[in-house]
């Protein structure tokens, strides 16, 4: 079961598969505009999402592109 924000983030990444998004871009597109969410909140959400959707022993479907952002492979 995914929390609403986890689902929204996964849905956004699925709709834009293999495109890299900076953390700030994900915050602007997934979180509400009046939200004061931080990059730390995004990082936490991605960690929780990875725990729920990743298969043990397999690479994560959500890839961190160091210095750039995140993408779904």
Protein backbone atom coordinates (compact mmCIF):
# COMPACT_ATOMS: atom_id res chain seq x y z
CA UNK A 1 0.00 0.00 0.00
CA UNK A 2 1.30 3.42 -0.96
CA UNK A 3 0.67 6.68 0.81
CA UNK A 4 -0.97 9.34 -1.38
CA UNK A 5 2.26 11.27 -1.91
CA UNK A 6 4.20 8.09 -2.71
CA UNK A 7 1.55 7.17 -5.27
CA UNK A 8 1.62 10.64 -6.81
CA UNK A 9 5.41 10.55 -7.07
CA UNK A 10 5.43 7.06 -8.60
CA UNK A 11 2.70 8.02 -11.06
CA UNK A 12 4.61 11.14 -12.13
CA UNK A 13 7.83 9.19 -12.64
CA UNK A 14 5.98 6.46 -14.56
CA UNK A 15 4.46 9.05 -16.89
CA UNK A 16 7.95 10.45 -17.55
CA UNK A 17 9.98 7.24 -17.56
CA UNK A 18 13.74 7.54 -18.18
CA UNK A 19 13.67 11.33 -17.78
CA UNK A 20 15.81 12.74 -14.98
CA UNK A 21 14.18 15.29 -12.68
CA UNK A 22 15.99 17.51 -10.20
CA UNK A 23 14.62 17.32 -6.66
CA UNK A 24 13.25 20.85 -6.93
CA UNK A 25 11.39 19.95 -10.14
CA UNK A 26 9.78 16.95 -8.44
CA UNK A 27 8.77 19.10 -5.49
CA UNK A 28 7.18 21.64 -7.85
CA UNK A 29 5.33 19.02 -9.89
CA UNK A 30 4.23 16.50 -7.26
CA UNK A 31 3.73 18.52 -4.08
CA UNK A 32 1.06 21.19 -3.81
CA UNK A 33 2.24 24.68 -4.68
CA UNK A 34 1.43 26.02 -1.21
CA UNK A 35 3.36 23.18 0.42
CA UNK A 36 6.59 23.92 2.21
CA UNK A 37 8.04 20.50 1.44
CA UNK A 38 11.80 20.27 1.35
CA UNK A 39 14.32 18.17 -0.54
CA UNK A 40 14.65 16.13 2.68
CA UNK A 41 10.91 15.32 2.50
CA UNK A 42 11.36 14.18 -1.10
CA UNK A 43 14.36 12.03 -0.18
CA UNK A 44 12.36 10.40 2.62
CA UNK A 45 9.43 9.77 0.28
CA UNK A 46 11.72 8.15 -2.30
CA UNK A 47 13.30 5.93 0.37
CA UNK A 48 9.88 4.74 1.54
CA UNK A 49 8.73 4.18 -2.03
CA UNK A 50 11.84 2.16 -2.87
CA UNK A 51 11.24 -0.09 0.16
CA UNK A 52 7.72 -0.77 -1.06
CA UNK A 53 8.28 -1.34 -4.79
CA UNK A 54 11.81 -2.68 -5.15
CA UNK A 55 12.53 -6.39 -5.42
CA UNK A 56 15.26 -7.68 -3.12
CA UNK A 57 18.44 -8.51 -5.01
CA UNK A 58 17.44 -6.36 -8.00
CA UNK A 59 18.53 -2.77 -8.76
CA UNK A 60 16.10 -0.10 -7.66
CA UNK A 61 13.58 1.02 -10.29
CA UNK A 62 14.07 4.59 -9.05
CA UNK A 63 17.60 5.58 -9.98
CA UNK A 64 19.53 8.39 -8.36
CA UNK A 65 21.55 10.34 -10.91
CA UNK A 66 24.14 11.90 -8.61
CA UNK A 67 24.29 15.66 -8.80
CA UNK A 68 21.23 15.76 -11.07
CA UNK A 69 18.14 14.06 -9.63
CA UNK A 70 15.98 10.96 -9.96
CA UNK A 71 14.43 8.89 -12.73
CA UNK A 72 12.37 5.72 -13.09
CA UNK A 73 13.94 2.98 -15.18
